[in-house]
């Protein structure tokens, strides 16, 4: 099966629809699938729910989809650094489901592994636990969290072969792997595509069985907050 597509728009063709759930990789501004996000913006898909650790910033990442009001709801852990997100949330224009980072990562991993739900003590006694099933194990209270199965996963890697086996570079690995596995369809953008057999099998982070479509493109490498010593 052909997995390599010429552009982000081509790779997303036939996959987008209004009201869909998208799992997006990235942590802060590291490992964000920027080309695929730009293509979703260009496609004009609306009322999207996005499961992602972050919401980007005002002019980059998922912040671009917030600017165009294409996101209806965020399932996130960290939503700082984004004034437009704050404005939409405080005005009631944007729904928000807060998740502790470990819980969000496990919800994605569980969904990809076919696990419908799991119990965790994280969030017990806080707003996170409201409306969720509580259960005691060995005298300790836990809440039930549901696994996430997304209509589409969008991911950014470093290298991939033409079969879709992906390698991530350093911290860009972050949420990209669990996000990729929980999507019914997974589209990955990478900096370089190499022939099958070029990658060390022991260094592959995401097996090609999870990857349906693949693109190569130029990427911007941003630093969220740069701190330097005064001269």
Protein backbone atom coordinates (compact mmCIF):
# COMPACT_ATOMS: atom_id res chain seq x y z
CA UNK A 1 0.00 0.00 0.00
CA UNK A 2 1.34 3.40 -0.97
CA UNK A 3 1.87 5.58 2.09
CA UNK A 4 3.93 8.51 0.77
CA UNK A 5 1.94 11.54 -0.43
CA UNK A 6 3.28 14.68 -2.14
CA UNK A 7 1.67 17.29 0.14
CA UNK A 8 -0.15 17.65 3.44
CA UNK A 9 -3.37 18.48 1.61
CA UNK A 10 -3.09 15.31 -0.46
CA UNK A 11 -2.39 13.20 2.62
CA UNK A 12 -5.52 14.55 4.34
CA UNK A 13 -7.76 14.19 1.31
CA UNK A 14 -10.93 12.30 2.20
CA UNK A 15 -10.13 12.18 5.92
CA UNK A 16 -11.50 15.49 7.19
CA UNK A 17 -15.09 16.21 8.20
CA UNK A 18 -16.86 18.70 10.45
CA UNK A 19 -17.24 17.63 14.07
CA UNK A 20 -14.35 15.15 14.01
CA UNK A 21 -11.96 14.25 16.85
CA UNK A 22 -8.26 14.75 16.10
CA UNK A 23 -5.35 13.58 18.25
CA UNK A 24 -2.34 15.84 17.72
CA UNK A 25 1.24 15.22 18.80
CA UNK A 26 3.58 17.80 20.26
CA UNK A 27 4.64 19.25 23.58
CA UNK A 28 4.85 23.01 23.88
CA UNK A 29 6.26 23.97 20.48
CA UNK A 30 8.32 20.79 20.09
CA UNK A 31 7.18 18.09 17.69
CA UNK A 32 4.10 19.90 16.41
CA UNK A 33 2.69 18.64 13.07
CA UNK A 34 2.69 22.15 11.62
CA UNK A 35 2.24 21.22 7.94
CA UNK A 36 -0.83 19.10 8.65
CA UNK A 37 -2.32 21.78 10.91
CA UNK A 38 -1.87 24.33 8.12
CA UNK A 39 -3.61 22.00 5.66
CA UNK A 40 -6.54 21.51 8.06
CA UNK A 41 -6.84 25.28 8.35
CA UNK A 42 -6.83 25.60 4.56
CA UNK A 43 -9.48 22.87 4.26
CA UNK A 44 -11.81 24.84 6.55
CA UNK A 45 -12.92 21.84 8.63
CA UNK A 46 -15.06 23.09 11.54
CA UNK A 47 -16.34 22.11 14.99
CA UNK A 48 -13.21 20.03 15.62
CA UNK A 49 -12.39 18.47 18.98
CA UNK A 50 -8.62 18.22 19.44
CA UNK A 51 -6.86 16.02 21.99
CA UNK A 52 -3.40 17.52 22.45
CA UNK A 53 -1.06 18.30 25.30
CA UNK A 54 -1.08 21.96 24.28
CA UNK A 55 -2.98 24.48 22.19
CA UNK A 56 0.03 26.00 20.45
CA UNK A 57 0.59 29.75 20.56
CA UNK A 58 -1.27 32.58 18.85
CA UNK A 59 0.52 32.30 15.51
CA UNK A 60 1.77 28.72 15.45
CA UNK A 61 0.54 25.18 15.93
CA UNK A 62 -3.06 24.66 16.96
CA UNK A 63 -3.27 28.38 17.65
CA UNK A 64 -3.78 28.80 13.90
CA UNK A 65 -6.99 26.74 14.07
CA UNK A 66 -8.16 28.76 17.06
CA UNK A 67 -7.70 31.96 15.06
CA UNK A 68 -10.12 30.69 12.42
CA UNK A 69 -12.59 29.30 15.01
CA UNK A 70 -12.25 25.78 13.61
CA UNK A 71 -11.75 24.16 17.04
CA UNK A 72 -14.86 23.64 19.16
CA UNK A 73 -13.26 21.78 22.07
CA UNK A 74 -9.79 21.10 23.44
CA UNK A 75 -8.82 18.05 25.50
CA UNK A 76 -5.55 19.34 26.95
CA UNK A 77 -3.09 19.55 29.81
CA UNK A 78 -1.34 22.87 29.21
CA UNK A 79 -2.98 25.83 27.52
CA UNK A 80 -0.71 28.72 28.47
CA UNK A 81 1.13 31.03 26.05
CA UNK A 82 -1.99 31.50 23.94
CA UNK A 83 -3.97 34.71 24.37
CA UNK A 84 -6.60 33.75 21.80
CA UNK A 85 -7.24 30.44 23.58
CA UNK A 86 -7.71 32.33 26.86
CA UNK A 87 -10.07 34.82 25.26
CA UNK A 88 -12.24 32.15 23.63
CA UNK A 89 -12.37 30.01 26.77
CA UNK A 90 -13.23 32.87 29.13
CA UNK A 91 -15.93 34.13 26.74
CA UNK A 92 -17.52 30.68 26.49
CA UNK A 93 -16.70 30.23 22.81
CA UNK A 94 -14.39 27.25 23.38
CA UNK A 95 -15.00 24.09 25.41
CA UNK A 96 -12.13 22.74 27.49
CA UNK A 97 -11.62 19.33 29.08
CA UNK A 98 -8.59 19.49 31.35
CA UNK A 99 -6.47 16.35 31.71
CA UNK A 100 -3.33 15.83 33.78
CA UNK A 101 -0.47 15.13 31.37
CA UNK A 102 0.02 11.53 32.47
CA UNK A 103 -3.70 10.87 32.25
CA UNK A 104 -3.92 12.33 28.74
CA UNK A 105 -0.94 10.28 27.55
CA UNK A 106 -2.44 7.12 29.04
CA UNK A 107 -5.88 7.85 27.55
CA UNK A 108 -4.27 7.99 24.12
CA UNK A 109 -2.12 4.91 24.75
CA UNK A 110 -5.11 2.97 26.08
CA UNK A 111 -7.25 3.90 23.08
CA UNK A 112 -4.51 2.70 20.74
CA UNK A 113 -4.18 -0.55 22.67
CA UNK A 114 -7.92 -1.29 22.56
CA UNK A 115 -8.41 -0.56 26.27
CA UNK A 116 -11.71 1.30 26.79
CA UNK A 117 -10.87 2.75 30.20
CA UNK A 118 -8.65 2.64 33.28
CA UNK A 119 -8.64 3.77 36.89
CA UNK A 120 -6.24 6.38 38.23
CA UNK A 121 -5.85 8.24 41.51
CA UNK A 122 -4.72 11.38 39.70
CA UNK A 123 -7.38 14.09 39.92
CA UNK A 124 -9.39 12.55 42.76
CA UNK A 125 -10.95 15.31 44.85
CA UNK A 126 -10.51 17.96 42.14
CA UNK A 127 -12.60 19.33 39.28
CA UNK A 128 -11.01 16.63 37.10
CA UNK A 129 -13.04 13.98 38.95
CA UNK A 130 -16.44 15.63 38.58
CA UNK A 131 -18.98 13.40 36.87
CA UNK A 132 -16.62 10.42 36.67
CA UNK A 133 -17.05 6.99 38.23
CA UNK A 134 -15.22 6.54 41.55
CA UNK A 135 -14.02 3.18 42.81
CA UNK A 136 -11.97 2.02 45.77
CA UNK A 137 -9.04 -0.39 45.48
CA UNK A 138 -7.21 -1.44 48.64
CA UNK A 139 -8.71 1.44 50.56
CA UNK A 140 -7.73 4.12 48.01
CA UNK A 141 -10.12 6.04 45.72
CA UNK A 142 -9.62 6.08 41.97
CA UNK A 143 -11.55 7.61 39.07
CA UNK A 144 -12.37 6.02 35.73
CA UNK A 145 -10.82 7.62 32.68
CA UNK A 146 -11.85 6.63 29.15
CA UNK A 147 -9.39 5.72 26.42
CA UNK A 148 -9.27 8.10 23.46
CA UNK A 149 -9.92 6.79 19.96
CA UNK A 150 -9.60 9.64 17.48
CA UNK A 151 -10.95 9.88 13.94
CA UNK A 152 -7.54 11.14 12.86
CA UNK A 153 -4.06 11.36 14.38
CA UNK A 154 -1.60 13.98 13.11
CA UNK A 155 2.03 13.48 14.08
CA UNK A 156 5.46 14.95 13.41
CA UNK A 157 8.56 12.75 13.22
CA UNK A 158 12.19 13.11 12.21
CA UNK A 159 12.75 10.26 9.74
CA UNK A 160 10.56 7.56 8.26
CA UNK A 161 10.96 4.85 5.67
CA UNK A 162 8.46 4.35 2.88
CA UNK A 163 6.63 1.70 4.93
CA UNK A 164 5.87 4.28 7.60
CA UNK A 165 8.33 3.21 10.29
CA UNK A 166 9.10 6.43 12.16
CA UNK A 167 12.01 7.73 14.25
CA UNK A 168 11.60 10.78 16.47
CA UNK A 169 14.47 13.01 17.51
CA UNK A 170 15.02 13.64 21.21
CA UNK A 171 12.12 15.38 23.03
CA UNK A 172 10.03 15.63 19.85
CA UNK A 173 9.02 12.07 20.63
CA UNK A 174 6.78 13.36 23.49
CA UNK A 175 3.03 12.85 22.84
CA UNK A 176 3.55 11.91 19.20
CA UNK A 177 3.70 8.16 19.75
CA UNK A 178 0.53 7.74 21.88
CA UNK A 179 -1.31 10.23 19.65
CA UNK A 180 -0.35 8.24 16.57
CA UNK A 181 -1.53 4.92 17.96
CA UNK A 182 -4.98 6.16 19.02
CA UNK A 183 -6.06 7.43 15.60
CA UNK A 184 -8.29 5.38 13.33
CA UNK A 185 -6.15 6.92 10.61
CA UNK A 186 -2.68 8.29 11.28
CA UNK A 187 -0.90 10.83 9.08
CA UNK A 188 2.75 11.62 9.80
CA UNK A 189 4.95 14.45 8.57
CA UNK A 190 8.73 14.01 8.70
CA UNK A 191 11.88 15.86 7.69
CA UNK A 192 13.24 12.96 5.67
CA UNK A 193 11.87 9.80 4.01
CA UNK A 194 14.36 7.00 3.39
CA UNK A 195 14.15 3.60 1.67
CA UNK A 196 12.95 0.54 3.57
CA UNK A 197 15.89 -1.07 5.36
CA UNK A 198 17.70 2.22 5.97
CA UNK A 199 16.57 2.52 9.59
CA UNK A 200 17.94 0.45 12.46
CA UNK A 201 14.99 -1.76 13.53
CA UNK A 202 15.99 -1.34 17.19
CA UNK A 203 15.70 2.46 16.92
CA UNK A 204 12.21 2.69 15.41
CA UNK A 205 9.85 4.47 17.81
CA UNK A 206 6.59 4.11 15.85
CA UNK A 207 6.06 0.95 13.76
CA UNK A 208 4.67 1.42 10.27
CA UNK A 209 1.57 -0.63 11.10
CA UNK A 210 0.20 2.47 12.85
CA UNK A 211 0.97 4.85 9.98
CA UNK A 212 -1.41 5.16 7.03
CA UNK A 213 -0.10 8.23 5.21
CA UNK A 214 3.22 10.05 5.17
CA UNK A 215 4.62 13.35 3.89
CA UNK A 216 8.01 15.02 3.83
CA UNK A 217 8.49 18.75 4.22
CA UNK A 218 10.42 21.67 5.65
CA UNK A 219 9.78 22.45 9.30
CA UNK A 220 10.29 25.43 11.55
CA UNK A 221 12.06 24.73 14.85
CA UNK A 222 10.88 27.21 17.43
CA UNK A 223 11.89 27.86 21.02
CA UNK A 224 8.92 28.71 23.24
CA UNK A 225 10.79 30.96 25.66
CA UNK A 226 14.40 31.92 25.12
CA UNK A 227 16.36 32.96 28.19
CA UNK A 228 19.82 34.44 27.79
CA UNK A 229 22.32 35.89 30.21
CA UNK A 230 22.73 39.64 30.20
CA UNK A 231 26.04 40.88 28.77
